[in-house]
Amino acid sequence: MWNNFTKSNPEFIKDELPEAEFFHDNEKDANRLAALIINGKKKASSGLYIWYKEANADLPKIGKKLIVTDFNGKARAIIETKKVDTIPFNQVSKEYAALDMGTEIEPLEKWKKAHWDFFASTMEKPTEEMLVVCERFETIWTEKD
């Protein structure tokens, strides 16, 4: 996929091959999220700030590219980070939630439930004030099957 992207976008030919990963922790959700990215509905991703701190990892940087795969590792899209904010869980906006969830139907309610459940499964005591890294991205390349 990266080769096809750089052939069509030669200004990126010297860029390093981006990391590749799937979103979420199970096949059904990983494949569903990849499909939302491909069709342009999902334009954001959320992670806990503490995950970055514990892993001694840098927060996402504007301009960073990522190859999104399905659960089985098949490249599905290339995304580019456009904006990164770190905000408390209870201050996530409806606008941001719609970008992350890929829906306009009760996006904040759906975002809070899905992310609370997911975050709570990875930590001892989630709080309304836990910091969330809110990454907005643009899908810059997809390949049709």
C-alpha atoms as a PDB file:
ATOM      1  CA  MET A   1       0.000   0.000   0.000  1.00  0.00           C
ATOM      2  CA  TRP A   2       2.782   2.457   0.891  1.00  0.00           C
ATOM      3  CA  ASN A   3       4.445   1.871  -2.493  1.00  0.00           C
ATOM      4  CA  ASN A   4       1.195   2.627  -4.320  1.00  0.00           C
ATOM      5  CA  PHE A   5       0.696   5.740  -2.196  1.00  0.00           C
ATOM      6  CA  THR A   6       4.204   7.077  -2.856  1.00  0.00           C
ATOM      7  CA  LYS A   7       3.959   6.322  -6.601  1.00  0.00           C
ATOM      8  CA  SER A   8       0.865   8.517  -6.724  1.00  0.00           C
ATOM      9  CA  ASN A   9       2.332  11.044  -4.266  1.00  0.00           C
ATOM     10  CA  PRO A  10       6.053  11.255  -5.096  1.00  0.00           C
ATOM     11  CA  GLU A  11       6.597  14.066  -2.574  1.00  0.00           C
ATOM     12  CA  PHE A  12       6.446  11.336   0.114  1.00  0.00           C
ATOM     13  CA  ILE A  13       8.831   8.895  -1.603  1.00  0.00           C
ATOM     14  CA  LYS A  14      11.644   9.611   0.885  1.00  0.00           C
ATOM     15  CA  ASP A  15       9.394   9.391   3.949  1.00  0.00           C
ATOM     16  CA  GLU A  16       9.946   6.481   6.286  1.00  0.00           C
ATOM     17  CA  LEU A  17       7.471   3.627   6.042  1.00  0.00           C
ATOM     18  CA  PRO A  18       4.785   4.360   8.674  1.00  0.00           C
ATOM     19  CA  GLU A  19       3.903   1.961  11.439  1.00  0.00           C
ATOM     20  CA  ALA A  20       0.922  -0.297  10.771  1.00  0.00           C
ATOM     21  CA  GLU A  21      -1.707  -1.246  13.326  1.00  0.00           C
ATOM     22  CA  PHE A  22      -5.377  -1.960  13.801  1.00  0.00           C
ATOM     23  CA  PHE A  23      -7.733  -0.055  16.071  1.00  0.00           C
ATOM     24  CA  HIS A  24      -9.295  -1.715  19.163  1.00  0.00           C
ATOM     25  CA  ASP A  25      -8.540  -5.104  20.698  1.00  0.00           C
ATOM     26  CA  ASN A  26     -10.745  -7.605  18.861  1.00  0.00           C
ATOM     27  CA  GLU A  27     -11.449  -8.679  15.286  1.00  0.00           C
ATOM     28  CA  LYS A  28     -15.040  -7.454  15.012  1.00  0.00           C
ATOM     29  CA  ASP A  29     -14.295  -3.929  16.258  1.00  0.00           C
ATOM     30  CA  ALA A  30     -10.943  -3.655  14.451  1.00  0.00           C
ATOM     31  CA  ASN A  31     -12.564  -4.511  11.114  1.00  0.00           C
ATOM     32  CA  ARG A  32     -15.584  -2.256  11.778  1.00  0.00           C
ATOM     33  CA  LEU A  33     -13.321   0.707  12.629  1.00  0.00           C
ATOM     34  CA  ALA A  34     -11.144   0.116   9.557  1.00  0.00           C
ATOM     35  CA  ALA A  35     -14.302   0.202   7.408  1.00  0.00           C
ATOM     36  CA  LEU A  36     -15.402   3.481   9.028  1.00  0.00           C
ATOM     37  CA  ILE A  37     -11.968   4.961   8.261  1.00  0.00           C
ATOM     38  CA  ILE A  38     -12.069   3.762   4.645  1.00  0.00           C
ATOM     39  CA  ASN A  39     -15.498   5.287   4.042  1.00  0.00           C
ATOM     40  CA  GLY A  40     -14.451   8.582   5.654  1.00  0.00           C
ATOM     41  CA  LYS A  41     -16.818   8.450   8.630  1.00  0.00           C
ATOM     42  CA  LYS A  42     -14.220   7.899  11.370  1.00  0.00           C
ATOM     43  CA  LYS A  43     -11.839  10.851  11.631  1.00  0.00           C
ATOM     44  CA  ALA A  44     -10.548  10.616  15.198  1.00  0.00           C
ATOM     45  CA  SER A  45      -9.152   8.188  17.736  1.00  0.00           C
ATOM     46  CA  SER A  46      -8.911   8.269  21.517  1.00  0.00           C
ATOM     47  CA  GLY A  47      -6.431   6.771  23.947  1.00  0.00           C
ATOM     48  CA  LEU A  48      -5.602   7.230  27.577  1.00  0.00           C
ATOM     49  CA  TYR A  49      -2.783   9.642  28.391  1.00  0.00           C
ATOM     50  CA  ILE A  50      -1.571   7.244  31.080  1.00  0.00           C
ATOM     51  CA  TRP A  51      -0.931   4.583  28.401  1.00  0.00           C
ATOM     52  CA  TYR A  52       1.587   6.890  26.721  1.00  0.00           C
ATOM     53  CA  LYS A  53       3.170   7.804  30.050  1.00  0.00           C
ATOM     54  CA  GLU A  54       3.474   4.175  31.208  1.00  0.00           C
ATOM     55  CA  ALA A  55       4.986   3.137  27.850  1.00  0.00           C
ATOM     56  CA  ASN A  56       7.306   6.174  27.860  1.00  0.00           C
ATOM     57  CA  ALA A  57       5.912   6.875  24.373  1.00  0.00           C
ATOM     58  CA  ASP A  58       5.529  10.188  22.596  1.00  0.00           C
ATOM     59  CA  LEU A  59       2.057  11.538  22.017  1.00  0.00           C
ATOM     60  CA  PRO A  60       0.950  11.497  18.369  1.00  0.00           C
ATOM     61  CA  LYS A  61       2.475  14.318  16.338  1.00  0.00           C
ATOM     62  CA  ILE A  62       0.769  16.415  13.681  1.00  0.00           C
ATOM     63  CA  GLY A  63       1.756  15.069  10.264  1.00  0.00           C
ATOM     64  CA  LYS A  64       2.393  11.519  11.520  1.00  0.00           C
ATOM     65  CA  LYS A  65       1.124   8.879   9.129  1.00  0.00           C
ATOM     66  CA  LEU A  66      -0.181   5.453  10.094  1.00  0.00           C
ATOM     67  CA  ILE A  67      -1.160   2.462   7.993  1.00  0.00           C
ATOM     68  CA  VAL A  68      -4.461   1.188   9.375  1.00  0.00           C
ATOM     69  CA  THR A  69      -4.951  -2.555   9.014  1.00  0.00           C
ATOM     70  CA  ASP A  70      -7.787  -4.930   9.607  1.00  0.00           C
ATOM     71  CA  PHE A  71      -7.442  -7.372  12.501  1.00  0.00           C
ATOM     72  CA  ASN A  72      -5.498  -9.811  10.310  1.00  0.00           C
ATOM     73  CA  GLY A  73      -2.905  -7.213   9.309  1.00  0.00           C
ATOM     74  CA  LYS A  74      -4.184  -6.381   5.819  1.00  0.00           C
ATOM     75  CA  ALA A  75      -3.447  -2.729   5.018  1.00  0.00           C
ATOM     76  CA  ARG A  76      -6.721  -0.856   4.564  1.00  0.00           C
ATOM     77  CA  ALA A  77      -5.894   2.870   4.684  1.00  0.00           C
ATOM     78  CA  ILE A  78      -3.256   5.479   5.413  1.00  0.00           C
ATOM     79  CA  ILE A  79      -4.180   8.243   7.837  1.00  0.00           C
ATOM     80  CA  GLU A  80      -2.381  11.444   8.804  1.00  0.00           C
ATOM     81  CA  THR A  81      -2.657  13.133  12.205  1.00  0.00           C
ATOM     82  CA  LYS A  82      -4.062  16.662  11.944  1.00  0.00           C
ATOM     83  CA  LYS A  83      -4.646  17.685  15.587  1.00  0.00           C
ATOM     84  CA  VAL A  84      -3.921  16.274  19.058  1.00  0.00           C
ATOM     85  CA  ASP A  85      -5.485  17.403  22.338  1.00  0.00           C
ATOM     86  CA  THR A  86      -5.253  15.946  25.829  1.00  0.00           C
ATOM     87  CA  ILE A  87      -8.449  16.584  27.761  1.00  0.00           C
ATOM     88  CA  PRO A  88     -10.366  15.080  30.678  1.00  0.00           C
ATOM     89  CA  PHE A  89     -12.848  12.326  29.814  1.00  0.00           C
ATOM     90  CA  ASN A  90     -15.778  14.423  31.039  1.00  0.00           C
ATOM     91  CA  GLN A  91     -14.865  17.335  28.734  1.00  0.00           C
ATOM     92  CA  VAL A  92     -14.935  15.453  25.419  1.00  0.00           C
ATOM     93  CA  SER A  93     -17.245  17.344  23.049  1.00  0.00           C
ATOM     94  CA  LYS A  94     -20.143  16.030  20.989  1.00  0.00           C
ATOM     95  CA  GLU A  95     -18.307  17.247  17.850  1.00  0.00           C
ATOM     96  CA  TYR A  96     -15.191  15.231  18.685  1.00  0.00           C
ATOM     97  CA  ALA A  97     -17.234  12.168  19.683  1.00  0.00           C
ATOM     98  CA  ALA A  98     -18.973  12.232  16.278  1.00  0.00           C
ATOM     99  CA  LEU A  99     -15.574  12.220  14.528  1.00  0.00           C
ATOM    100  CA  ASP A 100     -14.351   9.314  16.649  1.00  0.00           C
ATOM    101  CA  MET A 101     -17.519   7.216  16.532  1.00  0.00           C
ATOM    102  CA  GLY A 102     -18.273   7.896  12.860  1.00  0.00           C
ATOM    103  CA  THR A 103     -21.898   8.759  13.565  1.00  0.00           C
ATOM    104  CA  GLU A 104     -24.113  11.781  14.179  1.00  0.00           C
ATOM    105  CA  ILE A 105     -26.681   9.721  16.126  1.00  0.00           C
ATOM    106  CA  GLU A 106     -26.070  10.293  19.851  1.00  0.00           C
ATOM    107  CA  PRO A 107     -22.300  10.420  19.313  1.00  0.00           C
ATOM    108  CA  LEU A 108     -21.338  11.682  22.787  1.00  0.00           C
ATOM    109  CA  GLU A 109     -23.470   9.125  24.610  1.00  0.00           C
ATOM    110  CA  LYS A 110     -22.082   6.326  22.427  1.00  0.00           C
ATOM    111  CA  TRP A 111     -18.503   7.617  22.786  1.00  0.00           C
ATOM    112  CA  LYS A 112     -18.737   7.832  26.582  1.00  0.00           C
ATOM    113  CA  LYS A 113     -20.184   4.339  26.962  1.00  0.00           C
ATOM    114  CA  ALA A 114     -17.794   2.654  24.517  1.00  0.00           C
ATOM    115  CA  HIS A 115     -14.701   4.413  25.833  1.00  0.00           C
ATOM    116  CA  TRP A 116     -15.595   4.149  29.515  1.00  0.00           C
ATOM    117  CA  ASP A 117     -16.113   0.399  29.107  1.00  0.00           C
ATOM    118  CA  PHE A 118     -12.878  -0.013  27.142  1.00  0.00           C
ATOM    119  CA  PHE A 119     -10.774   2.194  29.426  1.00  0.00           C
ATOM    120  CA  ALA A 120     -12.239   0.583  32.554  1.00  0.00           C
ATOM    121  CA  SER A 121     -11.188  -2.826  31.247  1.00  0.00           C
ATOM    122  CA  THR A 122      -7.549  -1.661  31.225  1.00  0.00           C
ATOM    123  CA  MET A 123      -7.273   0.200  34.534  1.00  0.00           C
ATOM    124  CA  GLU A 124      -8.152  -0.285  38.169  1.00  0.00           C
ATOM    125  CA  LYS A 125     -10.149   2.887  38.802  1.00  0.00           C
ATOM    126  CA  PRO A 126     -11.274   4.994  35.847  1.00  0.00           C
ATOM    127  CA  THR A 127     -12.418   8.528  36.665  1.00  0.00           C
ATOM    128  CA  GLU A 128     -14.388  11.225  34.892  1.00  0.00           C
ATOM    129  CA  GLU A 129     -11.192  13.343  35.039  1.00  0.00           C
ATOM    130  CA  MET A 130      -8.848  10.767  33.450  1.00  0.00           C
ATOM    131  CA  LEU A 131      -6.927  12.373  30.600  1.00  0.00           C
ATOM    132  CA  VAL A 132      -7.764  11.267  27.073  1.00  0.00           C
ATOM    133  CA  VAL A 133      -5.487  11.845  24.083  1.00  0.00           C
ATOM    134  CA  CYS A 134      -7.860  12.964  21.340  1.00  0.00           C
ATOM    135  CA  GLU A 135      -6.270  12.554  17.920  1.00  0.00           C
ATOM    136  CA  ARG A 136      -7.979  13.916  14.809  1.00  0.00           C
ATOM    137  CA  PHE A 137      -6.835  12.509  11.496  1.00  0.00           C
ATOM    138  CA  GLU A 138      -7.501  12.574   7.784  1.00  0.00           C
ATOM    139  CA  THR A 139      -7.703   9.470   5.619  1.00  0.00           C
ATOM    140  CA  ILE A 140      -5.198  10.193   2.840  1.00  0.00           C
ATOM    141  CA  TRP A 141      -5.174   6.841   1.006  1.00  0.00           C
ATOM    142  CA  THR A 142      -7.295   3.729   0.659  1.00  0.00           C
ATOM    143  CA  GLU A 143      -7.087   0.789  -1.669  1.00  0.00           C
ATOM    144  CA  LYS A 144     -10.093  -1.046  -2.953  1.00  0.00           C
ATOM    145  CA  ASP A 145     -10.102  -4.831  -2.695  1.00  0.00           C
END
